Amino acid sequence: MIDFQSGYILRPANPIFVYFSLFCALLLNLLPIGNYGWVPDWLIICIVFWNIHQHRYVGVIIAFILGLLMDVHNSDLLGLHAFSYSLIAYLAISWHRRIIALSVLTQALHLLPIFLLVSLFPVIAHWLLSGEIYWWALTGAIQALIEALLWPLATRILLSPQRRPIDVDHNRPI
């Protein structure tokens, strides 16, 4: 895989690192910070990232299972996060060729509608099921904006193990 911004040939992703980063993102989501609009959904950032960069390791099934775990944690409607995470995983996999060739800031702009979809999907589902809309839950748009702003940092952190050279040779151009 090639990092299109720097032209650097990336090392293969270690599956242990991929699943460890998903586990760390799940633990960050499980922190008792609260469900405020300014708290990003770390797990969806990680799921979207790995579905764009290494969709063979993380797919729709993994996203569905992690969504079920988040449904149980939030004691929300069972399947609400599971459906939205799996839908987002599918969209990220289908867009991965287009998004990976863009710069990191342009990637964040292209992923903003995906983050908006996953943050506003529970609001829409509750509105359709109960007939009432929770206006305070529309702060998910702020959450999606923060997730899009965190995308360059997540890209930098999650691609860093793949950027390390195996052995440093100052005479070799690559």
Protein backbone atom coordinates (compact mmCIF):
# COMPACT_ATOMS: atom_id res chain seq x y z
CA MET A 1 0.00 0.00 0.00
CA ILE A 2 1.23 3.49 -0.82
CA ASP A 3 0.71 6.59 1.26
CA PHE A 4 -0.38 8.97 -1.49
CA GLN A 5 0.48 12.13 0.47
CA SER A 6 4.15 11.28 0.98
CA GLY A 7 4.66 8.64 -1.69
CA TYR A 8 5.98 6.33 1.01
CA ILE A 9 5.41 2.60 0.55
CA LEU A 10 3.68 1.38 3.70
CA ARG A 11 4.46 -1.87 5.43
CA PRO A 12 1.64 -4.42 5.73
CA ALA A 13 -0.73 -3.80 8.62
CA ASN A 14 -0.33 -6.10 11.58
CA PRO A 15 -3.72 -7.69 12.40
CA ILE A 16 -2.84 -7.65 16.09
CA PHE A 17 -2.40 -3.86 15.94
CA VAL A 18 -5.67 -3.47 14.01
CA TYR A 19 -7.69 -5.38 16.61
CA PHE A 20 -5.80 -3.77 19.50
CA SER A 21 -6.68 -0.32 18.17
CA LEU A 22 -10.34 -1.35 17.88
CA PHE A 23 -10.23 -2.63 21.46
CA CYS A 24 -8.67 0.64 22.67
CA ALA A 25 -11.34 2.63 20.83
CA LEU A 26 -14.02 0.47 22.45
CA LEU A 27 -12.48 1.13 25.86
CA LEU A 28 -12.45 4.87 25.14
CA ASN A 29 -16.16 4.66 24.29
CA LEU A 30 -16.84 2.78 27.52
CA LEU A 31 -15.32 5.53 29.69
CA PRO A 32 -17.92 7.18 31.95
CA ILE A 33 -17.49 10.60 30.34
CA GLY A 34 -21.15 10.88 29.47
CA ASN A 35 -23.07 11.18 26.27
CA TYR A 36 -22.30 14.80 25.52
CA GLY A 37 -22.23 16.30 22.07
CA TRP A 38 -18.54 17.12 22.29
CA VAL A 39 -17.44 13.54 23.08
CA PRO A 40 -16.47 11.82 19.82
CA ASP A 41 -17.35 8.24 19.04
CA TRP A 42 -13.83 6.81 19.02
CA LEU A 43 -15.02 3.45 17.81
CA ILE A 44 -16.62 4.78 14.65
CA ILE A 45 -13.46 6.70 13.77
CA CYS A 46 -11.45 3.52 14.15
CA ILE A 47 -13.98 1.37 12.25
CA VAL A 48 -14.12 3.81 9.35
CA PHE A 49 -10.33 4.12 9.27
CA TRP A 50 -9.69 0.38 9.16
CA ASN A 51 -12.49 -0.20 6.66
CA ILE A 52 -10.86 2.33 4.35
CA HIS A 53 -7.28 1.19 4.80
CA GLN A 54 -7.55 -2.54 5.64
CA HIS A 55 -11.07 -3.71 4.87
CA ARG A 56 -9.99 -7.35 4.83
CA TYR A 57 -9.35 -7.33 8.57
CA VAL A 58 -12.30 -5.23 9.71
CA GLY A 59 -15.58 -5.62 7.90
CA VAL A 60 -19.29 -5.29 8.36
CA ILE A 61 -19.51 -8.27 10.75
CA ILE A 62 -16.92 -6.82 13.15
CA ALA A 63 -18.68 -3.44 13.00
CA PHE A 64 -22.02 -5.12 13.74
CA ILE A 65 -20.59 -6.94 16.78
CA LEU A 66 -18.99 -3.76 18.10
CA GLY A 67 -22.29 -1.95 17.55
CA LEU A 68 -24.10 -4.57 19.61
CA LEU A 69 -21.57 -4.05 22.40
CA MET A 70 -22.24 -0.31 22.27
CA ASP A 71 -26.01 -0.91 22.33
CA VAL A 72 -25.65 -2.99 25.47
CA HIS A 73 -23.35 -0.41 27.05
CA ASN A 74 -25.65 2.52 26.28
CA SER A 75 -28.75 0.44 27.13
CA ASP A 76 -30.24 1.78 23.94
CA LEU A 77 -32.49 0.00 21.45
CA LEU A 78 -30.79 -3.26 20.65
CA GLY A 79 -29.45 -3.06 17.13
CA LEU A 80 -29.46 0.71 16.79
CA HIS A 81 -25.70 1.16 16.91
CA ALA A 82 -25.20 -2.26 15.33
CA PHE A 83 -27.15 -1.25 12.24
CA SER A 84 -25.56 2.18 11.96
CA TYR A 85 -22.01 0.82 12.47
CA SER A 86 -22.51 -1.91 9.90
CA LEU A 87 -24.04 0.58 7.43
CA ILE A 88 -21.09 2.92 7.92
CA ALA A 89 -18.66 0.02 7.51
CA TYR A 90 -20.33 -0.88 4.23
CA LEU A 91 -20.17 2.73 3.00
CA ALA A 92 -16.51 3.03 4.01
CA ILE A 93 -15.62 -0.21 2.22
CA SER A 94 -17.45 0.86 -0.92
CA TRP A 95 -15.80 4.31 -0.90
CA HIS A 96 -12.31 3.20 0.09
CA ARG A 97 -10.72 3.47 -3.37
CA ARG A 98 -12.01 7.00 -3.83
CA ILE A 99 -11.17 8.23 -0.35
CA ILE A 100 -7.70 6.72 0.02
CA ALA A 101 -6.35 8.69 -2.95
CA LEU A 102 -7.31 12.06 -1.44
CA SER A 103 -5.33 14.20 0.96
CA VAL A 104 -6.09 13.77 4.64
CA LEU A 105 -8.04 17.02 4.96
CA THR A 106 -10.11 16.21 1.90
CA GLN A 107 -10.72 12.76 3.35
CA ALA A 108 -12.10 14.41 6.49
CA LEU A 109 -14.47 16.51 4.39
CA HIS A 110 -15.63 13.45 2.46
CA LEU A 111 -16.15 11.49 5.67
CA LEU A 112 -18.16 14.23 7.40
CA PRO A 113 -21.49 12.98 5.91
CA ILE A 114 -20.66 9.45 7.11
CA PHE A 115 -20.01 10.74 10.62
CA LEU A 116 -23.20 12.81 10.44
CA LEU A 117 -25.17 9.73 9.43
CA VAL A 118 -23.91 7.65 12.32
CA SER A 119 -24.47 10.40 14.90
CA LEU A 120 -27.94 11.40 13.71
CA PHE A 121 -29.24 7.88 13.00
CA PRO A 122 -30.32 7.25 16.64
CA VAL A 123 -32.21 10.56 16.65
CA ILE A 124 -34.05 9.65 13.47
CA ALA A 125 -34.80 6.12 14.71
CA HIS A 126 -36.22 7.42 18.01
CA TRP A 127 -38.28 9.96 16.12
CA LEU A 128 -39.73 7.32 13.79
CA LEU A 129 -40.48 4.90 16.63
CA SER A 130 -41.87 7.26 19.24
CA GLY A 131 -43.08 10.22 17.22
CA GLU A 132 -41.10 12.63 19.41
CA ILE A 133 -37.86 14.28 18.48
CA TYR A 134 -35.24 15.00 21.09
CA TRP A 135 -33.80 18.35 20.06
CA TRP A 136 -30.89 18.05 22.47
CA ALA A 137 -29.82 14.90 20.61
CA LEU A 138 -29.15 16.96 17.49
CA THR A 139 -25.84 17.89 19.10
CA GLY A 140 -24.65 14.78 17.27
CA ALA A 141 -23.85 17.18 14.43
CA ILE A 142 -21.21 18.74 16.69
CA GLN A 143 -19.96 15.25 17.48
CA ALA A 144 -19.66 14.47 13.75
CA LEU A 145 -17.74 17.69 13.17
CA ILE A 146 -15.32 16.84 15.98
CA GLU A 147 -14.86 13.33 14.55
CA ALA A 148 -14.06 14.82 11.15
CA LEU A 149 -11.57 17.19 12.77
CA LEU A 150 -9.94 14.24 14.56
CA TRP A 151 -9.54 12.31 11.29
CA PRO A 152 -6.04 13.66 10.43
CA LEU A 153 -4.81 12.81 13.93
CA ALA A 154 -6.32 9.32 13.75
CA THR A 155 -4.72 8.78 10.35
CA ARG A 156 -1.34 9.87 11.70
CA ILE A 157 -1.57 7.62 14.76
CA LEU A 158 -3.03 4.52 13.13
CA LEU A 159 -0.70 4.56 10.12
CA SER A 160 2.44 5.17 12.18
CA PRO A 161 3.35 1.46 12.68
CA GLN A 162 3.16 0.93 8.92
CA ARG A 163 5.47 3.87 8.17
CA ARG A 164 8.42 2.50 10.13
CA PRO A 165 11.21 1.18 7.93
CA ILE A 166 12.28 -2.38 8.55
CA ASP A 167 15.95 -1.48 8.48
CA VAL A 168 17.32 2.00 8.01
CA ASP A 169 19.72 2.32 5.10
CA HIS A 170 20.64 5.87 4.20
CA ASN A 171 21.89 4.81 0.75
CA ARG A 172 18.58 3.25 -0.27
CA PRO A 173 16.10 5.73 -1.80
CA ILE A 174 12.93 3.98 -0.62
